N, C-alpha and C. Protein backbone atom coordinates (compact mmCIF):
# COMPACT_ATOMS: atom_id res chain seq x y z
N MET A 1 -40.06 -33.34 -19.05
CA MET A 1 -39.81 -31.94 -18.78
C MET A 1 -39.23 -31.27 -20.04
N LEU A 2 -39.78 -30.11 -20.40
CA LEU A 2 -39.33 -29.38 -21.57
C LEU A 2 -38.08 -28.56 -21.25
N PRO A 3 -37.18 -28.44 -22.21
CA PRO A 3 -35.99 -27.61 -21.96
C PRO A 3 -36.39 -26.14 -21.88
N ALA A 4 -35.61 -25.37 -21.16
CA ALA A 4 -35.85 -23.93 -21.04
C ALA A 4 -35.64 -23.28 -22.40
N PRO A 5 -36.45 -22.26 -22.72
CA PRO A 5 -36.26 -21.59 -24.02
C PRO A 5 -34.89 -20.92 -24.08
N VAL A 6 -34.33 -20.91 -25.26
CA VAL A 6 -33.03 -20.28 -25.47
C VAL A 6 -33.27 -18.78 -25.64
N ARG A 7 -32.62 -18.01 -24.83
CA ARG A 7 -32.74 -16.56 -24.93
C ARG A 7 -31.69 -16.04 -25.89
N GLN A 8 -32.13 -15.39 -26.93
CA GLN A 8 -31.18 -14.84 -27.90
C GLN A 8 -30.88 -13.39 -27.57
N LYS A 9 -29.63 -13.04 -27.67
CA LYS A 9 -29.22 -11.66 -27.43
C LYS A 9 -29.58 -10.81 -28.64
N PRO A 10 -29.94 -9.53 -28.41
CA PRO A 10 -30.16 -8.65 -29.56
C PRO A 10 -28.84 -8.43 -30.30
N HIS A 11 -28.94 -7.99 -31.53
CA HIS A 11 -27.75 -7.73 -32.34
C HIS A 11 -26.78 -6.83 -31.59
N GLN A 12 -25.57 -7.26 -31.49
CA GLN A 12 -24.51 -6.44 -30.89
C GLN A 12 -23.80 -5.70 -32.01
N GLN A 13 -23.65 -4.43 -31.85
CA GLN A 13 -22.98 -3.62 -32.85
C GLN A 13 -21.50 -3.94 -32.86
N THR A 14 -20.96 -4.15 -34.04
CA THR A 14 -19.54 -4.44 -34.13
C THR A 14 -18.75 -3.14 -34.07
N PRO A 15 -17.48 -3.22 -33.69
CA PRO A 15 -16.65 -2.01 -33.69
C PRO A 15 -16.57 -1.36 -35.07
N ALA A 16 -16.58 -2.16 -36.14
CA ALA A 16 -16.51 -1.60 -37.49
C ALA A 16 -17.78 -0.82 -37.81
N GLU A 17 -18.94 -1.32 -37.38
CA GLU A 17 -20.20 -0.60 -37.61
C GLU A 17 -20.20 0.72 -36.86
N GLU A 18 -19.76 0.69 -35.61
CA GLU A 18 -19.71 1.92 -34.81
C GLU A 18 -18.73 2.92 -35.43
N LYS A 19 -17.59 2.45 -35.87
CA LYS A 19 -16.58 3.32 -36.47
C LYS A 19 -17.12 3.97 -37.75
N ALA A 20 -17.89 3.24 -38.55
CA ALA A 20 -18.47 3.78 -39.77
C ALA A 20 -19.47 4.89 -39.46
N VAL A 21 -20.27 4.71 -38.41
CA VAL A 21 -21.23 5.74 -38.01
C VAL A 21 -20.48 6.99 -37.57
N TYR A 22 -19.45 6.83 -36.76
CA TYR A 22 -18.69 7.99 -36.29
C TYR A 22 -18.02 8.72 -37.45
N ALA A 23 -17.52 8.00 -38.46
CA ALA A 23 -16.91 8.64 -39.63
C ALA A 23 -17.96 9.46 -40.38
N TYR A 24 -19.16 8.91 -40.52
CA TYR A 24 -20.24 9.64 -41.18
C TYR A 24 -20.59 10.91 -40.41
N VAL A 25 -20.75 10.79 -39.09
CA VAL A 25 -21.11 11.94 -38.24
C VAL A 25 -20.01 13.00 -38.28
N ASN A 26 -18.75 12.59 -38.25
CA ASN A 26 -17.64 13.54 -38.33
C ASN A 26 -17.69 14.33 -39.63
N ALA A 27 -17.96 13.65 -40.74
CA ALA A 27 -18.04 14.32 -42.04
C ALA A 27 -19.27 15.22 -42.12
N ARG A 28 -20.38 14.77 -41.55
CA ARG A 28 -21.63 15.53 -41.61
C ARG A 28 -21.58 16.78 -40.74
N ASP A 29 -21.10 16.65 -39.52
CA ASP A 29 -21.25 17.73 -38.55
C ASP A 29 -20.13 18.76 -38.56
N GLN A 30 -18.90 18.38 -38.73
CA GLN A 30 -17.77 19.31 -38.81
C GLN A 30 -17.53 20.14 -37.55
N GLY A 31 -18.41 20.12 -36.59
CA GLY A 31 -18.26 20.90 -35.36
C GLY A 31 -19.56 20.87 -34.58
N CYS A 32 -19.67 21.70 -33.58
CA CYS A 32 -20.86 21.75 -32.73
C CYS A 32 -22.08 22.15 -33.54
N ARG A 33 -23.17 21.38 -33.41
CA ARG A 33 -24.39 21.64 -34.18
C ARG A 33 -25.51 22.25 -33.33
N ALA A 34 -25.23 22.58 -32.08
CA ALA A 34 -26.27 23.08 -31.18
C ALA A 34 -26.99 24.29 -31.74
N ARG A 35 -26.26 25.23 -32.32
CA ARG A 35 -26.90 26.46 -32.83
C ARG A 35 -27.66 26.21 -34.12
N ASP A 36 -27.37 25.13 -34.83
CA ASP A 36 -28.18 24.73 -35.99
C ASP A 36 -29.51 24.14 -35.51
N ILE A 37 -29.45 23.43 -34.39
CA ILE A 37 -30.64 22.80 -33.83
C ILE A 37 -31.52 23.84 -33.14
N ASP A 38 -30.90 24.71 -32.38
CA ASP A 38 -31.61 25.75 -31.62
C ASP A 38 -30.80 27.04 -31.70
N PRO A 39 -31.21 28.00 -32.53
CA PRO A 39 -30.45 29.24 -32.69
C PRO A 39 -30.22 29.99 -31.37
N GLY A 40 -31.01 29.73 -30.36
CA GLY A 40 -30.83 30.38 -29.07
C GLY A 40 -29.95 29.60 -28.11
N ALA A 41 -29.20 28.63 -28.63
CA ALA A 41 -28.41 27.75 -27.76
C ALA A 41 -27.25 28.46 -27.08
N GLY A 42 -26.86 29.62 -27.56
CA GLY A 42 -25.75 30.33 -26.93
C GLY A 42 -24.42 29.94 -27.54
N PRO A 43 -23.35 30.58 -27.07
CA PRO A 43 -22.03 30.37 -27.66
C PRO A 43 -21.45 29.00 -27.31
N CYS A 44 -20.58 28.53 -28.19
CA CYS A 44 -19.89 27.25 -27.97
C CYS A 44 -18.71 27.43 -27.03
N SER A 45 -18.37 26.35 -26.34
CA SER A 45 -17.19 26.37 -25.47
C SER A 45 -16.65 24.96 -25.30
N GLY A 46 -15.36 24.84 -25.42
CA GLY A 46 -14.71 23.56 -25.20
C GLY A 46 -14.57 22.72 -26.46
N LEU A 47 -13.95 21.57 -26.29
CA LEU A 47 -13.73 20.65 -27.39
C LEU A 47 -15.04 20.07 -27.89
N VAL A 48 -15.05 19.60 -29.13
CA VAL A 48 -16.24 18.99 -29.71
C VAL A 48 -16.28 17.51 -29.33
N GLU A 49 -17.46 17.06 -28.89
CA GLU A 49 -17.66 15.68 -28.45
C GLU A 49 -18.88 15.09 -29.16
N ARG A 50 -19.00 13.78 -29.11
CA ARG A 50 -20.18 13.12 -29.66
C ARG A 50 -21.25 13.00 -28.58
N HIS A 51 -22.47 13.32 -28.96
CA HIS A 51 -23.61 13.18 -28.05
C HIS A 51 -24.55 12.13 -28.63
N HIS A 52 -24.90 11.14 -27.82
CA HIS A 52 -25.85 10.11 -28.22
C HIS A 52 -27.23 10.54 -27.72
N ALA A 53 -28.07 11.00 -28.62
CA ALA A 53 -29.38 11.56 -28.26
C ALA A 53 -30.43 10.47 -28.14
N GLY A 54 -31.40 10.72 -27.26
CA GLY A 54 -32.54 9.83 -27.14
C GLY A 54 -32.26 8.53 -26.42
N ILE A 55 -31.15 8.43 -25.73
CA ILE A 55 -30.79 7.21 -25.01
C ILE A 55 -31.23 7.36 -23.56
N LYS A 56 -32.02 6.39 -23.09
CA LYS A 56 -32.47 6.43 -21.70
C LYS A 56 -31.34 5.98 -20.79
N VAL A 57 -31.26 6.57 -19.63
CA VAL A 57 -30.22 6.23 -18.65
C VAL A 57 -30.35 4.76 -18.29
N GLY A 58 -29.24 4.05 -18.32
CA GLY A 58 -29.22 2.64 -17.94
C GLY A 58 -29.48 1.68 -19.09
N THR A 59 -29.69 2.18 -20.30
CA THR A 59 -29.92 1.29 -21.43
C THR A 59 -28.66 1.19 -22.28
N LYS A 60 -28.56 0.10 -23.03
CA LYS A 60 -27.40 -0.10 -23.89
C LYS A 60 -27.47 0.87 -25.07
N ARG A 61 -26.39 1.52 -25.31
CA ARG A 61 -26.31 2.50 -26.38
C ARG A 61 -26.01 1.80 -27.70
N VAL A 62 -26.80 2.10 -28.71
CA VAL A 62 -26.51 1.65 -30.07
C VAL A 62 -26.19 2.90 -30.88
N THR A 63 -25.05 2.90 -31.50
CA THR A 63 -24.61 4.07 -32.25
C THR A 63 -25.21 4.03 -33.65
N SER A 64 -26.03 5.02 -33.94
CA SER A 64 -26.61 5.14 -35.28
C SER A 64 -26.59 6.60 -35.69
N ARG A 65 -26.54 6.85 -36.98
CA ARG A 65 -26.36 8.22 -37.45
C ARG A 65 -27.55 9.11 -37.17
N ASP A 66 -28.72 8.53 -36.87
CA ASP A 66 -29.88 9.34 -36.50
C ASP A 66 -29.97 9.56 -35.00
N ARG A 67 -28.92 9.18 -34.27
CA ARG A 67 -28.90 9.38 -32.83
C ARG A 67 -27.62 10.02 -32.32
N VAL A 68 -26.66 10.29 -33.19
CA VAL A 68 -25.38 10.86 -32.76
C VAL A 68 -25.19 12.22 -33.42
N VAL A 69 -24.81 13.19 -32.62
CA VAL A 69 -24.54 14.55 -33.10
C VAL A 69 -23.30 15.07 -32.38
N LYS A 70 -22.57 15.92 -33.05
CA LYS A 70 -21.39 16.52 -32.41
C LYS A 70 -21.79 17.84 -31.75
N LEU A 71 -21.35 17.98 -30.51
CA LEU A 71 -21.61 19.19 -29.72
C LEU A 71 -20.33 19.58 -29.00
N CYS A 72 -20.15 20.87 -28.76
CA CYS A 72 -19.02 21.30 -27.93
C CYS A 72 -19.29 20.83 -26.50
N ARG A 73 -18.25 20.80 -25.71
CA ARG A 73 -18.40 20.32 -24.34
C ARG A 73 -19.44 21.12 -23.55
N GLY A 74 -19.46 22.44 -23.74
CA GLY A 74 -20.43 23.28 -23.03
C GLY A 74 -21.87 22.90 -23.37
N HIS A 75 -22.16 22.74 -24.65
CA HIS A 75 -23.52 22.35 -25.05
C HIS A 75 -23.81 20.90 -24.67
N HIS A 76 -22.81 20.04 -24.75
CA HIS A 76 -23.01 18.63 -24.40
C HIS A 76 -23.41 18.48 -22.93
N GLU A 77 -22.73 19.20 -22.06
CA GLU A 77 -22.97 19.06 -20.63
C GLU A 77 -24.15 19.89 -20.13
N ASN A 78 -24.33 21.09 -20.67
CA ASN A 78 -25.31 22.02 -20.10
C ASN A 78 -26.58 22.20 -20.90
N TRP A 79 -26.52 21.99 -22.21
CA TRP A 79 -27.67 22.26 -23.06
C TRP A 79 -28.37 20.98 -23.50
N ALA A 80 -27.61 19.98 -23.90
CA ALA A 80 -28.17 18.74 -24.47
C ALA A 80 -29.14 18.00 -23.56
N PRO A 81 -28.88 17.85 -22.26
CA PRO A 81 -29.81 17.08 -21.44
C PRO A 81 -31.25 17.61 -21.47
N SER A 82 -31.41 18.91 -21.56
CA SER A 82 -32.77 19.47 -21.57
C SER A 82 -33.32 19.65 -22.99
N HIS A 83 -32.53 19.34 -24.01
CA HIS A 83 -32.96 19.52 -25.39
C HIS A 83 -32.91 18.22 -26.20
N ASN A 84 -32.92 17.09 -25.52
CA ASN A 84 -32.79 15.79 -26.19
C ASN A 84 -33.86 15.58 -27.26
N ARG A 85 -35.09 15.90 -26.94
CA ARG A 85 -36.18 15.70 -27.91
C ARG A 85 -35.95 16.55 -29.16
N MET A 86 -35.53 17.79 -28.97
CA MET A 86 -35.26 18.69 -30.09
C MET A 86 -34.12 18.13 -30.96
N ILE A 87 -33.09 17.58 -30.32
CA ILE A 87 -31.96 17.00 -31.04
C ILE A 87 -32.42 15.81 -31.88
N VAL A 88 -33.21 14.92 -31.28
CA VAL A 88 -33.71 13.73 -31.98
C VAL A 88 -34.56 14.14 -33.18
N GLU A 89 -35.43 15.13 -33.01
CA GLU A 89 -36.27 15.60 -34.12
C GLU A 89 -35.43 16.22 -35.23
N TRP A 90 -34.41 16.99 -34.88
CA TRP A 90 -33.53 17.60 -35.87
C TRP A 90 -32.77 16.52 -36.64
N LEU A 91 -32.25 15.51 -35.94
CA LEU A 91 -31.54 14.43 -36.60
C LEU A 91 -32.45 13.66 -37.54
N ALA A 92 -33.71 13.44 -37.15
CA ALA A 92 -34.67 12.73 -38.00
C ALA A 92 -34.92 13.53 -39.29
N LYS A 93 -35.03 14.85 -39.18
CA LYS A 93 -35.22 15.70 -40.37
C LYS A 93 -34.01 15.60 -41.29
N LEU A 94 -32.81 15.63 -40.70
CA LEU A 94 -31.59 15.50 -41.50
C LEU A 94 -31.59 14.19 -42.28
N GLU A 95 -31.94 13.10 -41.61
CA GLU A 95 -31.94 11.78 -42.25
C GLU A 95 -32.97 11.69 -43.36
N ARG A 96 -34.08 12.43 -43.23
CA ARG A 96 -35.11 12.44 -44.27
C ARG A 96 -34.74 13.40 -45.41
N GLY A 97 -33.68 14.19 -45.22
CA GLY A 97 -33.24 15.12 -46.25
C GLY A 97 -33.98 16.45 -46.25
N GLU A 98 -34.58 16.78 -45.14
CA GLU A 98 -35.34 18.05 -45.04
C GLU A 98 -34.44 19.20 -44.66
C-alpha cells in the first residue's frame, strides 16, 4: 500500500510581510482614495480604513500592495462592494506606474 500524498500548505504570509505592505499602503495613499478611483464617488465620511480589493467571500486574504487601498468608512462600507473591479484595475495601473 502506498502512503497518502503529503498535502503542502500554500505560503502563509508572515506578520512582518503584512506589516511591510501596510506601511507601503499608508505612505502611498495618505487618506481615502475613492475619489481618485472614481471622481463621482461622493464625499468622504468617517475614519480611514484598509480595504482588501478583489477578495472573494470565504477565501483566505493575502495582503499585497496591489490589493489594498485606504478608504474612508463611508466609501469602504457603501461604495467599495459595488466598485471592486474598478478598485483592482486602478491598483494595477498604480503598480505599473501609469
